[in-house]
Amino acid sequence: MLKKYICNPDVVNYQKVVIIKDLRGKKPKEGSRARRIFDYMSNAGWANLNVVAKEMDIPHSSLTAELRNFRKPKKGSHTVEKKRVSANTYLYRLTPNKG
């Protein structure tokens, strides 16, 4: 668990401890769209999102949004890499954070 200390300037020696969950390495809920994307991308290696979106029958914008979310601490702080192949073509790779 991570702890965050907050000091109140109105009270001398006042300390409030807020416990923040350590979510590094967290996986999405089982059966959710995010979990389907997570499982697919973590096993796919480098993947073209247009191909992934068609194979999974998911809108491209939703796929890219979920990949962005996987980078956030709240969603596990996973590594999402992007590699340019040509002018308008990119490949993405999701590397799960072990936590």
N, C-alpha and C. Protein backbone atom coordinates (compact mmCIF):
# COMPACT_ATOMS: atom_id res chain seq x y z
N MET A 1 0.83 -1.19 0.00
CA MET A 1 0.00 0.00 0.00
C MET A 1 0.88 1.25 0.00
N LEU A 2 0.44 2.23 -0.72
CA LEU A 2 1.12 3.52 -0.72
C LEU A 2 0.41 4.43 0.27
N LYS A 3 1.16 5.25 0.98
CA LYS A 3 0.56 6.18 1.93
C LYS A 3 0.82 7.60 1.47
N LYS A 4 -0.18 8.43 1.63
CA LYS A 4 -0.07 9.83 1.29
C LYS A 4 -0.38 10.61 2.56
N TYR A 5 0.51 11.49 2.97
CA TYR A 5 0.31 12.27 4.17
C TYR A 5 -0.16 13.67 3.81
N ILE A 6 -1.20 14.11 4.49
CA ILE A 6 -1.76 15.44 4.24
C ILE A 6 -1.68 16.23 5.54
N CYS A 7 -1.09 17.40 5.48
CA CYS A 7 -0.99 18.25 6.66
C CYS A 7 -2.01 19.36 6.60
N ASN A 8 -2.70 19.58 7.70
CA ASN A 8 -3.68 20.65 7.80
C ASN A 8 -3.00 21.85 8.44
N PRO A 9 -2.91 22.98 7.72
CA PRO A 9 -2.20 24.15 8.26
C PRO A 9 -2.91 24.80 9.44
N ASP A 10 -4.20 24.51 9.67
CA ASP A 10 -4.95 25.14 10.76
C ASP A 10 -4.70 24.48 12.12
N VAL A 11 -4.24 23.26 12.13
CA VAL A 11 -4.05 22.53 13.37
C VAL A 11 -2.58 22.16 13.50
N VAL A 12 -2.01 22.43 14.65
CA VAL A 12 -0.60 22.13 14.88
C VAL A 12 -0.41 20.62 15.00
N ASN A 13 0.60 20.09 14.31
CA ASN A 13 0.95 18.67 14.34
C ASN A 13 -0.20 17.75 13.91
N TYR A 14 -1.02 18.21 13.03
CA TYR A 14 -2.13 17.39 12.52
C TYR A 14 -1.67 16.62 11.29
N GLN A 15 -1.91 15.34 11.28
CA GLN A 15 -1.55 14.52 10.13
C GLN A 15 -2.69 13.55 9.85
N LYS A 16 -3.15 13.56 8.63
CA LYS A 16 -4.18 12.62 8.21
C LYS A 16 -3.52 11.67 7.23
N VAL A 17 -3.69 10.40 7.45
CA VAL A 17 -3.09 9.40 6.58
C VAL A 17 -4.17 8.87 5.65
N VAL A 18 -3.91 8.97 4.37
CA VAL A 18 -4.82 8.45 3.36
C VAL A 18 -4.14 7.24 2.73
N ILE A 19 -4.81 6.11 2.76
CA ILE A 19 -4.25 4.90 2.17
C ILE A 19 -4.68 4.86 0.71
N ILE A 20 -3.70 4.70 -0.17
CA ILE A 20 -3.95 4.61 -1.60
C ILE A 20 -3.57 3.21 -2.03
N LYS A 21 -4.46 2.53 -2.72
CA LYS A 21 -4.16 1.17 -3.18
C LYS A 21 -3.04 1.20 -4.19
N ASP A 22 -2.18 0.22 -4.10
CA ASP A 22 -1.11 0.05 -5.07
C ASP A 22 -1.67 -0.82 -6.19
N LEU A 23 -1.96 -0.21 -7.34
CA LEU A 23 -2.64 -0.89 -8.42
C LEU A 23 -1.70 -1.31 -9.55
N ARG A 24 -0.39 -1.19 -9.33
CA ARG A 24 0.55 -1.60 -10.38
C ARG A 24 0.36 -3.08 -10.68
N GLY A 25 0.24 -3.40 -11.95
CA GLY A 25 0.08 -4.78 -12.36
C GLY A 25 -1.35 -5.28 -12.33
N LYS A 26 -2.29 -4.41 -12.00
CA LYS A 26 -3.69 -4.80 -11.94
C LYS A 26 -4.21 -5.15 -13.33
N LYS A 27 -5.03 -6.19 -13.41
CA LYS A 27 -5.65 -6.58 -14.67
C LYS A 27 -7.12 -6.15 -14.65
N PRO A 28 -7.70 -5.88 -15.83
CA PRO A 28 -9.13 -5.53 -15.89
C PRO A 28 -10.01 -6.69 -15.43
N LYS A 29 -11.26 -6.39 -15.11
CA LYS A 29 -12.21 -7.41 -14.66
C LYS A 29 -12.43 -8.47 -15.72
N GLU A 30 -12.59 -9.69 -15.27
CA GLU A 30 -12.82 -10.83 -16.16
C GLU A 30 -14.11 -10.63 -16.95
N GLY A 31 -14.07 -10.89 -18.26
CA GLY A 31 -15.25 -10.80 -19.11
C GLY A 31 -15.54 -9.41 -19.68
N SER A 32 -14.80 -8.40 -19.26
CA SER A 32 -15.04 -7.04 -19.77
C SER A 32 -14.33 -6.85 -21.10
N ARG A 33 -14.73 -5.82 -21.81
CA ARG A 33 -14.08 -5.50 -23.09
C ARG A 33 -12.61 -5.19 -22.86
N ALA A 34 -12.34 -4.46 -21.78
CA ALA A 34 -10.96 -4.11 -21.46
C ALA A 34 -10.12 -5.38 -21.23
N ARG A 35 -10.71 -6.37 -20.57
CA ARG A 35 -9.97 -7.62 -20.31
C ARG A 35 -9.71 -8.38 -21.61
N ARG A 36 -10.70 -8.39 -22.50
CA ARG A 36 -10.51 -9.05 -23.80
C ARG A 36 -9.36 -8.39 -24.57
N ILE A 37 -9.33 -7.06 -24.57
CA ILE A 37 -8.26 -6.31 -25.25
C ILE A 37 -6.92 -6.59 -24.57
N PHE A 38 -6.93 -6.57 -23.24
CA PHE A 38 -5.70 -6.81 -22.47
C PHE A 38 -5.13 -8.18 -22.79
N ASP A 39 -5.96 -9.21 -22.76
CA ASP A 39 -5.50 -10.57 -23.03
C ASP A 39 -4.97 -10.71 -24.46
N TYR A 40 -5.71 -10.16 -25.41
CA TYR A 40 -5.30 -10.24 -26.82
C TYR A 40 -3.97 -9.54 -27.05
N MET A 41 -3.88 -8.28 -26.59
CA MET A 41 -2.69 -7.47 -26.87
C MET A 41 -1.46 -7.96 -26.07
N SER A 42 -1.66 -8.50 -24.89
CA SER A 42 -0.51 -8.96 -24.11
C SER A 42 0.10 -10.22 -24.72
N ASN A 43 -0.68 -10.96 -25.52
CA ASN A 43 -0.18 -12.17 -26.16
C ASN A 43 0.19 -11.95 -27.63
N ALA A 44 -0.18 -10.82 -28.21
CA ALA A 44 -0.03 -10.61 -29.65
C ALA A 44 1.35 -10.13 -30.07
N GLY A 45 2.13 -9.57 -29.19
CA GLY A 45 3.39 -8.94 -29.61
C GLY A 45 3.05 -7.63 -30.30
N TRP A 46 3.78 -7.28 -31.35
CA TRP A 46 3.49 -6.06 -32.10
C TRP A 46 2.25 -6.29 -32.96
N ALA A 47 1.27 -5.39 -32.88
CA ALA A 47 0.02 -5.59 -33.61
C ALA A 47 -0.46 -4.27 -34.22
N ASN A 48 -1.06 -4.38 -35.39
CA ASN A 48 -1.69 -3.25 -36.07
C ASN A 48 -3.11 -3.12 -35.51
N LEU A 49 -3.47 -1.94 -35.02
CA LEU A 49 -4.76 -1.78 -34.36
C LEU A 49 -5.94 -1.93 -35.31
N ASN A 50 -5.76 -1.60 -36.58
CA ASN A 50 -6.86 -1.79 -37.53
C ASN A 50 -7.21 -3.28 -37.65
N VAL A 51 -6.19 -4.11 -37.69
CA VAL A 51 -6.40 -5.56 -37.78
C VAL A 51 -7.03 -6.08 -36.49
N VAL A 52 -6.52 -5.63 -35.36
CA VAL A 52 -7.05 -6.07 -34.06
C VAL A 52 -8.51 -5.66 -33.91
N ALA A 53 -8.83 -4.42 -34.29
CA ALA A 53 -10.21 -3.93 -34.18
C ALA A 53 -11.17 -4.77 -35.02
N LYS A 54 -10.74 -5.14 -36.23
CA LYS A 54 -11.59 -5.98 -37.09
C LYS A 54 -11.73 -7.39 -36.52
N GLU A 55 -10.64 -7.97 -36.06
CA GLU A 55 -10.68 -9.33 -35.52
C GLU A 55 -11.54 -9.41 -34.26
N MET A 56 -11.47 -8.39 -33.42
CA MET A 56 -12.22 -8.41 -32.16
C MET A 56 -13.59 -7.77 -32.27
N ASP A 57 -13.89 -7.18 -33.42
CA ASP A 57 -15.16 -6.49 -33.64
C ASP A 57 -15.38 -5.39 -32.60
N ILE A 58 -14.36 -4.56 -32.46
CA ILE A 58 -14.37 -3.43 -31.53
C ILE A 58 -14.05 -2.17 -32.32
N PRO A 59 -14.74 -1.06 -32.07
CA PRO A 59 -14.39 0.19 -32.77
C PRO A 59 -12.94 0.59 -32.49
N HIS A 60 -12.28 1.09 -33.51
CA HIS A 60 -10.87 1.49 -33.40
C HIS A 60 -10.66 2.51 -32.29
N SER A 61 -11.58 3.46 -32.17
CA SER A 61 -11.42 4.50 -31.13
C SER A 61 -11.50 3.91 -29.73
N SER A 62 -12.34 2.90 -29.53
CA SER A 62 -12.44 2.25 -28.21
C SER A 62 -11.17 1.48 -27.89
N LEU A 63 -10.60 0.86 -28.91
CA LEU A 63 -9.37 0.10 -28.73
C LEU A 63 -8.22 1.01 -28.31
N THR A 64 -8.07 2.12 -29.01
CA THR A 64 -6.98 3.05 -28.67
C THR A 64 -7.20 3.67 -27.29
N ALA A 65 -8.45 3.94 -26.94
CA ALA A 65 -8.75 4.51 -25.61
C ALA A 65 -8.38 3.51 -24.51
N GLU A 66 -8.71 2.25 -24.69
CA GLU A 66 -8.36 1.24 -23.69
C GLU A 66 -6.85 1.10 -23.55
N LEU A 67 -6.14 1.13 -24.67
CA LEU A 67 -4.67 1.04 -24.60
C LEU A 67 -4.09 2.22 -23.83
N ARG A 68 -4.63 3.42 -24.05
CA ARG A 68 -4.18 4.59 -23.29
C ARG A 68 -4.47 4.40 -21.80
N ASN A 69 -5.64 3.83 -21.49
CA ASN A 69 -6.01 3.62 -20.09
C ASN A 69 -5.07 2.65 -19.39
N PHE A 70 -4.57 1.65 -20.10
CA PHE A 70 -3.68 0.66 -19.49
C PHE A 70 -2.40 1.29 -18.98
N ARG A 71 -2.04 2.46 -19.49
CA ARG A 71 -0.83 3.16 -19.03
C ARG A 71 -1.05 3.85 -17.69
N LYS A 72 -2.28 4.15 -17.35
CA LYS A 72 -2.60 4.91 -16.14
C LYS A 72 -2.38 4.06 -14.89
N PRO A 73 -1.92 4.70 -13.80
CA PRO A 73 -1.71 3.96 -12.55
C PRO A 73 -2.98 3.24 -12.07
N LYS A 74 -4.12 3.88 -12.25
CA LYS A 74 -5.39 3.30 -11.81
C LYS A 74 -5.72 2.01 -12.56
N LYS A 75 -5.18 1.86 -13.76
CA LYS A 75 -5.46 0.69 -14.60
C LYS A 75 -4.27 -0.26 -14.69
N GLY A 76 -3.27 -0.07 -13.84
CA GLY A 76 -2.18 -1.04 -13.76
C GLY A 76 -0.81 -0.58 -14.19
N SER A 77 -0.67 0.61 -14.73
CA SER A 77 0.64 1.15 -15.17
C SER A 77 1.37 0.20 -16.11
N HIS A 78 0.65 -0.39 -17.04
CA HIS A 78 1.27 -1.30 -18.00
C HIS A 78 2.01 -0.49 -19.06
N THR A 79 2.92 -1.14 -19.77
CA THR A 79 3.70 -0.48 -20.81
C THR A 79 3.04 -0.71 -22.17
N VAL A 80 2.71 0.38 -22.85
CA VAL A 80 2.17 0.31 -24.21
C VAL A 80 3.16 1.04 -25.11
N GLU A 81 3.76 0.28 -26.01
CA GLU A 81 4.75 0.85 -26.92
C GLU A 81 4.13 1.05 -28.30
N LYS A 82 4.64 2.06 -29.00
CA LYS A 82 4.14 2.40 -30.34
C LYS A 82 5.34 2.49 -31.28
N LYS A 83 5.21 1.85 -32.44
CA LYS A 83 6.30 1.83 -33.42
C LYS A 83 5.74 2.22 -34.78
N ARG A 84 6.38 3.20 -35.42
CA ARG A 84 5.94 3.65 -36.74
C ARG A 84 6.51 2.74 -37.82
N VAL A 85 5.61 2.24 -38.69
CA VAL A 85 6.02 1.36 -39.77
C VAL A 85 6.10 2.13 -41.08
N SER A 86 5.09 2.96 -41.35
CA SER A 86 5.07 3.81 -42.55
C SER A 86 4.35 5.10 -42.18
N ALA A 87 4.05 5.92 -43.17
CA ALA A 87 3.47 7.24 -42.92
C ALA A 87 2.23 7.20 -42.02
N ASN A 88 1.31 6.29 -42.27
CA ASN A 88 0.08 6.24 -41.49
C ASN A 88 -0.13 4.91 -40.78
N THR A 89 0.91 4.12 -40.65
CA THR A 89 0.77 2.80 -40.04
C THR A 89 1.65 2.68 -38.80
N TYR A 90 1.03 2.29 -37.70
CA TYR A 90 1.73 2.10 -36.44
C TYR A 90 1.44 0.72 -35.89
N LEU A 91 2.40 0.18 -35.19
CA LEU A 91 2.21 -1.08 -34.49
C LEU A 91 2.29 -0.80 -32.99
N TYR A 92 1.51 -1.53 -32.23
CA TYR A 92 1.46 -1.35 -30.78
C TYR A 92 1.78 -2.66 -30.09
N ARG A 93 2.38 -2.55 -28.90
CA ARG A 93 2.67 -3.73 -28.09
C ARG A 93 2.37 -3.41 -26.64
N LEU A 94 1.64 -4.31 -26.00
CA LEU A 94 1.31 -4.17 -24.58
C LEU A 94 2.17 -5.14 -23.80
N THR A 95 2.91 -4.60 -22.82
CA THR A 95 3.71 -5.42 -21.92
C THR A 95 3.12 -5.26 -20.52
N PRO A 96 2.50 -6.32 -19.99
CA PRO A 96 1.89 -6.21 -18.66
C PRO A 96 2.93 -5.93 -17.59
N ASN A 97 2.56 -5.10 -16.64
CA ASN A 97 3.40 -4.75 -15.51
C ASN A 97 3.26 -5.86 -14.47
N LYS A 98 4.36 -6.37 -14.01
CA LYS A 98 4.33 -7.47 -13.02
C LYS A 98 3.88 -6.98 -11.65
N GLY A 99 4.02 -5.68 -11.42
CA GLY A 99 3.58 -5.10 -10.16
C GLY A 99 4.59 -5.33 -9.12
